[in-house]
Amino acid sequence: MRLPDKKDDPSYLDELISQEAAAEFLSTSPRFLEKRRSTGDGPPFIRISHRCIRYRRKDLIEWADSLTKTSTSAA
């Protein structure tokens, strides 16, 4: 009997995750996300409070997909 995988749950992509979890999801560092937030070219985020930033997995996926290129010379 196979146990249900959390990723099979429809709410998995909408779940709010921490900056550290988002960085791990994208295989990058939390500092990378901090820099991208300050320049405005990172993934969409939710500011719960001054020190509490959250991301949705679906937003991370859409943002990463928007960066997909077919050539190193592509703008």
PDB file of N, CA and C in Angstrom:
ATOM      1  N   MET A   1       0.842  -1.177   0.000  1.00  0.00           N
ATOM      2  CA  MET A   1       0.000   0.000   0.000  1.00  0.00           C
ATOM      3  C   MET A   1       0.891   1.246   0.000  1.00  0.00           C
ATOM      4  N   ARG A   2       0.630   2.138  -0.914  1.00  0.00           N
ATOM      5  CA  ARG A   2       1.412   3.373  -1.042  1.00  0.00           C
ATOM      6  C   ARG A   2       0.758   4.481  -0.227  1.00  0.00           C
ATOM      7  N   LEU A   3       1.547   5.136   0.629  1.00  0.00           N
ATOM      8  CA  LEU A   3       1.036   6.269   1.390  1.00  0.00           C
ATOM      9  C   LEU A   3       0.926   7.475   0.472  1.00  0.00           C
ATOM     10  N   PRO A   4      -0.063   8.314   0.688  1.00  0.00           N
ATOM     11  CA  PRO A   4      -0.207   9.491  -0.165  1.00  0.00           C
ATOM     12  C   PRO A   4       0.990  10.424  -0.006  1.00  0.00           C
ATOM     13  N   ASP A   5       1.454  10.950  -1.110  1.00  0.00           N
ATOM     14  CA  ASP A   5       2.566  11.889  -1.124  1.00  0.00           C
ATOM     15  C   ASP A   5       2.004  13.289  -0.934  1.00  0.00           C
ATOM     16  N   LYS A   6       2.658  14.081  -0.095  1.00  0.00           N
ATOM     17  CA  LYS A   6       2.188  15.443   0.147  1.00  0.00           C
ATOM     18  C   LYS A   6       2.118  16.238  -1.160  1.00  0.00           C
ATOM     19  N   LYS A   7       2.999  15.929  -2.098  1.00  0.00           N
ATOM     20  CA  LYS A   7       3.016  16.651  -3.373  1.00  0.00           C
ATOM     21  C   LYS A   7       1.779  16.342  -4.213  1.00  0.00           C
ATOM     22  N   ASP A   8       1.076  15.261  -3.894  1.00  0.00           N
ATOM     23  CA  ASP A   8      -0.169  14.930  -4.593  1.00  0.00           C
ATOM     24  C   ASP A   8      -1.334  15.782  -4.091  1.00  0.00           C
ATOM     25  N   ASP A   9      -1.154  16.421  -2.956  1.00  0.00           N
ATOM     26  CA  ASP A   9      -2.193  17.268  -2.367  1.00  0.00           C
ATOM     27  C   ASP A   9      -2.274  18.570  -3.156  1.00  0.00           C
ATOM     28  N   PRO A  10      -3.460  18.946  -3.650  1.00  0.00           N
ATOM     29  CA  PRO A  10      -3.590  20.172  -4.453  1.00  0.00           C
ATOM     30  C   PRO A  10      -3.134  21.435  -3.724  1.00  0.00           C
ATOM     31  N   SER A  11      -3.214  21.443  -2.399  1.00  0.00           N
ATOM     32  CA  SER A  11      -2.822  22.637  -1.654  1.00  0.00           C
ATOM     33  C   SER A  11      -1.301  22.763  -1.518  1.00  0.00           C
ATOM     34  N   TYR A  12      -0.554  21.743  -1.930  1.00  0.00           N
ATOM     35  CA  TYR A  12       0.910  21.760  -1.819  1.00  0.00           C
ATOM     36  C   TYR A  12       1.511  22.977  -2.526  1.00  0.00           C
ATOM     37  N   LEU A  13       1.039  23.303  -3.726  1.00  0.00           N
ATOM     38  CA  LEU A  13       1.600  24.416  -4.487  1.00  0.00           C
ATOM     39  C   LEU A  13       1.184  25.770  -3.926  1.00  0.00           C
ATOM     40  N   ASP A  14       0.080  25.826  -3.180  1.00  0.00           N
ATOM     41  CA  ASP A  14      -0.401  27.080  -2.598  1.00  0.00           C
ATOM     42  C   ASP A  14       0.120  27.327  -1.183  1.00  0.00           C
ATOM     43  N   GLU A  15       0.737  26.330  -0.592  1.00  0.00           N
ATOM     44  CA  GLU A  15       1.223  26.452   0.780  1.00  0.00           C
ATOM     45  C   GLU A  15       2.288  27.548   0.877  1.00  0.00           C
ATOM     46  N   LEU A  16       2.202  28.354   1.924  1.00  0.00           N
ATOM     47  CA  LEU A  16       3.214  29.385   2.163  1.00  0.00           C
ATOM     48  C   LEU A  16       4.429  28.752   2.828  1.00  0.00           C
ATOM     49  N   ILE A  17       5.601  29.019   2.247  1.00  0.00           N
ATOM     50  CA  ILE A  17       6.832  28.449   2.786  1.00  0.00           C
ATOM     51  C   ILE A  17       7.828  29.566   3.101  1.00  0.00           C
ATOM     52  N   SER A  18       8.750  29.274   3.976  1.00  0.00           N
ATOM     53  CA  SER A  18       9.744  30.255   4.404  1.00  0.00           C
ATOM     54  C   SER A  18      10.758  30.533   3.299  1.00  0.00           C
ATOM     55  N   GLN A  19      11.530  31.581   3.513  1.00  0.00           N
ATOM     56  CA  GLN A  19      12.592  31.925   2.571  1.00  0.00           C
ATOM     57  C   GLN A  19      13.600  30.775   2.450  1.00  0.00           C
ATOM     58  N   GLU A  20      13.924  30.155   3.563  1.00  0.00           N
ATOM     59  CA  GLU A  20      14.877  29.041   3.541  1.00  0.00           C
ATOM     60  C   GLU A  20      14.337  27.867   2.738  1.00  0.00           C
ATOM     61  N   ALA A  21      13.052  27.554   2.934  1.00  0.00           N
ATOM     62  CA  ALA A  21      12.430  26.461   2.186  1.00  0.00           C
ATOM     63  C   ALA A  21      12.324  26.816   0.700  1.00  0.00           C
ATOM     64  N   ALA A  22      12.035  28.086   0.402  1.00  0.00           N
ATOM     65  CA  ALA A  22      11.958  28.528  -0.993  1.00  0.00           C
ATOM     66  C   ALA A  22      13.323  28.428  -1.659  1.00  0.00           C
ATOM     67  N   ALA A  23      14.361  28.823  -0.945  1.00  0.00           N
ATOM     68  CA  ALA A  23      15.712  28.734  -1.494  1.00  0.00           C
ATOM     69  C   ALA A  23      16.075  27.274  -1.773  1.00  0.00           C
ATOM     70  N   GLU A  24      15.732  26.401  -0.861  1.00  0.00           N
ATOM     71  CA  GLU A  24      16.004  24.975  -1.070  1.00  0.00           C
ATOM     72  C   GLU A  24      15.201  24.449  -2.264  1.00  0.00           C
ATOM     73  N   PHE A  25      13.951  24.859  -2.382  1.00  0.00           N
ATOM     74  CA  PHE A  25      13.084  24.452  -3.487  1.00  0.00           C
ATOM     75  C   PHE A  25      13.693  24.850  -4.825  1.00  0.00           C
ATOM     76  N   LEU A  26      14.319  26.043  -4.868  1.00  0.00           N
ATOM     77  CA  LEU A  26      14.943  26.548  -6.101  1.00  0.00           C
ATOM     78  C   LEU A  26      16.410  26.144  -6.243  1.00  0.00           C
ATOM     79  N   SER A  27      16.925  25.422  -5.268  1.00  0.00           N
ATOM     80  CA  SER A  27      18.336  25.017  -5.254  1.00  0.00           C
ATOM     81  C   SER A  27      19.264  26.233  -5.306  1.00  0.00           C
ATOM     82  N   THR A  28      18.955  27.197  -4.464  1.00  0.00           N
ATOM     83  CA  THR A  28      19.762  28.407  -4.368  1.00  0.00           C
ATOM     84  C   THR A  28      19.913  28.765  -2.891  1.00  0.00           C
ATOM     85  N   SER A  29      20.356  29.962  -2.595  1.00  0.00           N
ATOM     86  CA  SER A  29      20.559  30.363  -1.203  1.00  0.00           C
ATOM     87  C   SER A  29      19.507  31.389  -0.776  1.00  0.00           C
ATOM     88  N   PRO A  30      19.251  31.481   0.528  1.00  0.00           N
ATOM     89  CA  PRO A  30      18.351  32.524   1.010  1.00  0.00           C
ATOM     90  C   PRO A  30      18.857  33.921   0.643  1.00  0.00           C
ATOM     91  N   ARG A  31      20.148  34.113   0.644  1.00  0.00           N
ATOM     92  CA  ARG A  31      20.728  35.415   0.294  1.00  0.00           C
ATOM     93  C   ARG A  31      20.382  35.794  -1.146  1.00  0.00           C
ATOM     94  N   PHE A  32      20.366  34.822  -2.055  1.00  0.00           N
ATOM     95  CA  PHE A  32      19.981  35.066  -3.445  1.00  0.00           C
ATOM     96  C   PHE A  32      18.570  35.658  -3.492  1.00  0.00           C
ATOM     97  N   LEU A  33      17.647  35.068  -2.727  1.00  0.00           N
ATOM     98  CA  LEU A  33      16.267  35.562  -2.705  1.00  0.00           C
ATOM     99  C   LEU A  33      16.199  36.957  -2.090  1.00  0.00           C
ATOM    100  N   GLU A  34      16.983  37.215  -1.057  1.00  0.00           N
ATOM    101  CA  GLU A  34      17.018  38.548  -0.454  1.00  0.00           C
ATOM    102  C   GLU A  34      17.457  39.593  -1.476  1.00  0.00           C
ATOM    103  N   LYS A  35      18.507  39.280  -2.208  1.00  0.00           N
ATOM    104  CA  LYS A  35      19.004  40.216  -3.223  1.00  0.00           C
ATOM    105  C   LYS A  35      17.958  40.440  -4.311  1.00  0.00           C
ATOM    106  N   ARG A  36      17.327  39.372  -4.760  1.00  0.00           N
ATOM    107  CA  ARG A  36      16.309  39.489  -5.805  1.00  0.00           C
ATOM    108  C   ARG A  36      15.097  40.279  -5.322  1.00  0.00           C
ATOM    109  N   ARG A  37      14.733  40.154  -4.057  1.00  0.00           N
ATOM    110  CA  ARG A  37      13.627  40.968  -3.518  1.00  0.00           C
ATOM    111  C   ARG A  37      13.989  42.439  -3.549  1.00  0.00           C
ATOM    112  N   SER A  38      15.235  42.759  -3.198  1.00  0.00           N
ATOM    113  CA  SER A  38      15.625  44.177  -3.137  1.00  0.00           C
ATOM    114  C   SER A  38      15.720  44.805  -4.526  1.00  0.00           C
ATOM    115  N   THR A  39      16.049  44.012  -5.535  1.00  0.00           N
ATOM    116  CA  THR A  39      16.135  44.552  -6.897  1.00  0.00           C
ATOM    117  C   THR A  39      14.807  44.442  -7.642  1.00  0.00           C
ATOM    118  N   GLY A  40      13.877  43.678  -7.111  1.00  0.00           N
ATOM    119  CA  GLY A  40      12.557  43.566  -7.720  1.00  0.00           C
ATOM    120  C   GLY A  40      12.469  42.590  -8.872  1.00  0.00           C
ATOM    121  N   ASP A  41      13.498  41.776  -9.076  1.00  0.00           N
ATOM    122  CA  ASP A  41      13.443  40.824 -10.192  1.00  0.00           C
ATOM    123  C   ASP A  41      13.422  39.368  -9.725  1.00  0.00           C
ATOM    124  N   GLY A  42      12.969  39.160  -8.511  1.00  0.00           N
ATOM    125  CA  GLY A  42      12.866  37.805  -7.981  1.00  0.00           C
ATOM    126  C   GLY A  42      11.446  37.290  -8.061  1.00  0.00           C
ATOM    127  N   PRO A  43      11.229  36.133  -7.473  1.00  0.00           N
ATOM    128  CA  PRO A  43       9.879  35.565  -7.474  1.00  0.00           C
ATOM    129  C   PRO A  43       8.938  36.378  -6.591  1.00  0.00           C
ATOM    130  N   PRO A  44       7.638  36.342  -6.881  1.00  0.00           N
ATOM    131  CA  PRO A  44       6.673  37.029  -6.024  1.00  0.00           C
ATOM    132  C   PRO A  44       6.755  36.487  -4.594  1.00  0.00           C
ATOM    133  N   PHE A  45       6.580  37.374  -3.635  1.00  0.00           N
ATOM    134  CA  PHE A  45       6.641  36.973  -2.231  1.00  0.00           C
ATOM    135  C   PHE A  45       5.534  37.656  -1.455  1.00  0.00           C
ATOM    136  N   ILE A  46       5.299  37.174  -0.255  1.00  0.00           N
ATOM    137  CA  ILE A  46       4.286  37.728   0.631  1.00  0.00           C
ATOM    138  C   ILE A  46       5.001  38.191   1.896  1.00  0.00           C
ATOM    139  N   ARG A  47       4.805  39.457   2.241  1.00  0.00           N
ATOM    140  CA  ARG A  47       5.403  39.990   3.464  1.00  0.00           C
ATOM    141  C   ARG A  47       4.341  39.934   4.562  1.00  0.00           C
ATOM    142  N   ILE A  48       4.497  38.988   5.475  1.00  0.00           N
ATOM    143  CA  ILE A  48       3.583  38.838   6.600  1.00  0.00           C
ATOM    144  C   ILE A  48       3.844  39.959   7.613  1.00  0.00           C
ATOM    145  N   SER A  49       5.123  40.213   7.850  1.00  0.00           N
ATOM    146  CA  SER A  49       5.559  41.307   8.709  1.00  0.00           C
ATOM    147  C   SER A  49       6.937  41.731   8.220  1.00  0.00           C
ATOM    148  N   HIS A  50       7.525  42.695   8.900  1.00  0.00           N
ATOM    149  CA  HIS A  50       8.835  43.198   8.474  1.00  0.00           C
ATOM    150  C   HIS A  50       9.875  42.080   8.365  1.00  0.00           C
ATOM    151  N   ARG A  51       9.819  41.120   9.254  1.00  0.00           N
ATOM    152  CA  ARG A  51      10.828  40.058   9.278  1.00  0.00           C
ATOM    153  C   ARG A  51      10.295  38.692   8.842  1.00  0.00           C
ATOM    154  N   CYS A  52       9.076  38.652   8.340  1.00  0.00           N
ATOM    155  CA  CYS A  52       8.457  37.372   7.971  1.00  0.00           C
ATOM    156  C   CYS A  52       8.044  37.402   6.496  1.00  0.00           C
ATOM    157  N   ILE A  53       8.844  36.750   5.661  1.00  0.00           N
ATOM    158  CA  ILE A  53       8.607  36.663   4.219  1.00  0.00           C
ATOM    159  C   ILE A  53       8.206  35.230   3.892  1.00  0.00           C
ATOM    160  N   ARG A  54       7.213  35.073   3.043  1.00  0.00           N
ATOM    161  CA  ARG A  54       6.765  33.746   2.619  1.00  0.00           C
ATOM    162  C   ARG A  54       6.610  33.714   1.109  1.00  0.00           C
ATOM    163  N   TYR A  55       6.721  32.517   0.566  1.00  0.00           N
ATOM    164  CA  TYR A  55       6.586  32.274  -0.867  1.00  0.00           C
ATOM    165  C   TYR A  55       5.592  31.147  -1.085  1.00  0.00           C
ATOM    166  N   ARG A  56       4.934  31.156  -2.246  1.00  0.00           N
ATOM    167  CA  ARG A  56       4.109  30.017  -2.678  1.00  0.00           C
ATOM    168  C   ARG A  56       4.918  29.219  -3.701  1.00  0.00           C
ATOM    169  N   ARG A  57       4.856  27.905  -3.598  1.00  0.00           N
ATOM    170  CA  ARG A  57       5.611  27.059  -4.536  1.00  0.00           C
ATOM    171  C   ARG A  57       5.198  27.325  -5.982  1.00  0.00           C
ATOM    172  N   LYS A  58       3.892  27.529  -6.217  1.00  0.00           N
ATOM    173  CA  LYS A  58       3.448  27.759  -7.596  1.00  0.00           C
ATOM    174  C   LYS A  58       4.059  29.041  -8.156  1.00  0.00           C
ATOM    175  N   ASP A  59       4.236  30.072  -7.319  1.00  0.00           N
ATOM    176  CA  ASP A  59       4.878  31.305  -7.772  1.00  0.00           C
ATOM    177  C   ASP A  59       6.354  31.078  -8.079  1.00  0.00           C
ATOM    178  N   LEU A  60       7.012  30.252  -7.275  1.00  0.00           N
ATOM    179  CA  LEU A  60       8.423  29.938  -7.520  1.00  0.00           C
ATOM    180  C   LEU A  60       8.591  29.206  -8.850  1.00  0.00           C
ATOM    181  N   ILE A  61       7.694  28.273  -9.112  1.00  0.00           N
ATOM    182  CA  ILE A  61       7.757  27.502 -10.362  1.00  0.00           C
ATOM    183  C   ILE A  61       7.509  28.417 -11.562  1.00  0.00           C
ATOM    184  N   GLU A  62       6.489  29.267 -11.477  1.00  0.00           N
ATOM    185  CA  GLU A  62       6.179  30.180 -12.589  1.00  0.00           C
ATOM    186  C   GLU A  62       7.339  31.144 -12.833  1.00  0.00           C
ATOM    187  N   TRP A  63       7.932  31.654 -11.762  1.00  0.00           N
ATOM    188  CA  TRP A  63       9.059  32.576 -11.901  1.00  0.00           C
ATOM    189  C   TRP A  63      10.249  31.867 -12.556  1.00  0.00           C
ATOM    190  N   ALA A  64      10.574  30.672 -12.084  1.00  0.00           N
ATOM    191  CA  ALA A  64      11.693  29.924 -12.662  1.00  0.00           C
ATOM    192  C   ALA A  64      11.414  29.607 -14.131  1.00  0.00           C
ATOM    193  N   ASP A  65      10.187  29.236 -14.458  1.00  0.00           N
ATOM    194  CA  ASP A  65       9.834  28.957 -15.856  1.00  0.00           C
ATOM    195  C   ASP A  65      10.000  30.191 -16.736  1.00  0.00           C
ATOM    196  N   SER A  66       9.755  31.373 -16.166  1.00  0.00           N
ATOM    197  CA  SER A  66       9.890  32.606 -16.953  1.00  0.00           C
ATOM    198  C   SER A  66      11.352  32.906 -17.305  1.00  0.00           C
ATOM    199  N   LEU A  67      12.283  32.273 -16.618  1.00  0.00           N
ATOM    200  CA  LEU A  67      13.706  32.481 -16.864  1.00  0.00           C
ATOM    201  C   LEU A  67      14.285  31.501 -17.878  1.00  0.00           C
ATOM    202  N   THR A  68      13.482  30.566 -18.344  1.00  0.00           N
ATOM    203  CA  THR A  68      13.940  29.533 -19.258  1.00  0.00           C
ATOM    204  C   THR A  68      14.379  30.134 -20.586  1.00  0.00           C
ATOM    205  N   LYS A  69      15.543  29.772 -21.018  1.00  0.00           N
ATOM    206  CA  LYS A  69      16.113  30.247 -22.285  1.00  0.00           C
ATOM    207  C   LYS A  69      16.471  29.035 -23.156  1.00  0.00           C
ATOM    208  N   THR A  70      16.552  29.265 -24.445  1.00  0.00           N
ATOM    209  CA  THR A  70      16.935  28.194 -25.371  1.00  0.00           C
ATOM    210  C   THR A  70      18.354  28.376 -25.903  1.00  0.00           C
ATOM    211  N   SER A  71      18.956  29.539 -25.599  1.00  0.00           N
ATOM    212  CA  SER A  71      20.297  29.828 -26.084  1.00  0.00           C
ATOM    213  C   SER A  71      21.000  30.731 -25.107  1.00  0.00           C
ATOM    214  N   THR A  72      22.318  30.633 -25.021  1.00  0.00           N
ATOM    215  CA  THR A  72      23.073  31.522 -24.140  1.00  0.00           C
ATOM    216  C   THR A  72      23.091  32.946 -24.650  1.00  0.00           C
ATOM    217  N   SER A  73      22.769  33.151 -25.931  1.00  0.00           N
ATOM    218  CA  SER A  73      22.732  34.499 -26.489  1.00  0.00           C
ATOM    219  C   SER A  73      21.352  35.139 -26.372  1.00  0.00           C
ATOM    220  N   ALA A  74      20.364  34.394 -25.871  1.00  0.00           N
ATOM    221  CA  ALA A  74      19.019  34.952 -25.711  1.00  0.00           C
ATOM    222  C   ALA A  74      19.019  35.998 -24.618  1.00  0.00           C
ATOM    223  N   ALA A  75      18.302  37.068 -24.832  1.00  0.00           N
ATOM    224  CA  ALA A  75      18.225  38.159 -23.839  1.00  0.00           C
ATOM    225  C   ALA A  75      17.409  37.774 -22.646  1.00  0.00           C
TER     226      ALA A  75
END
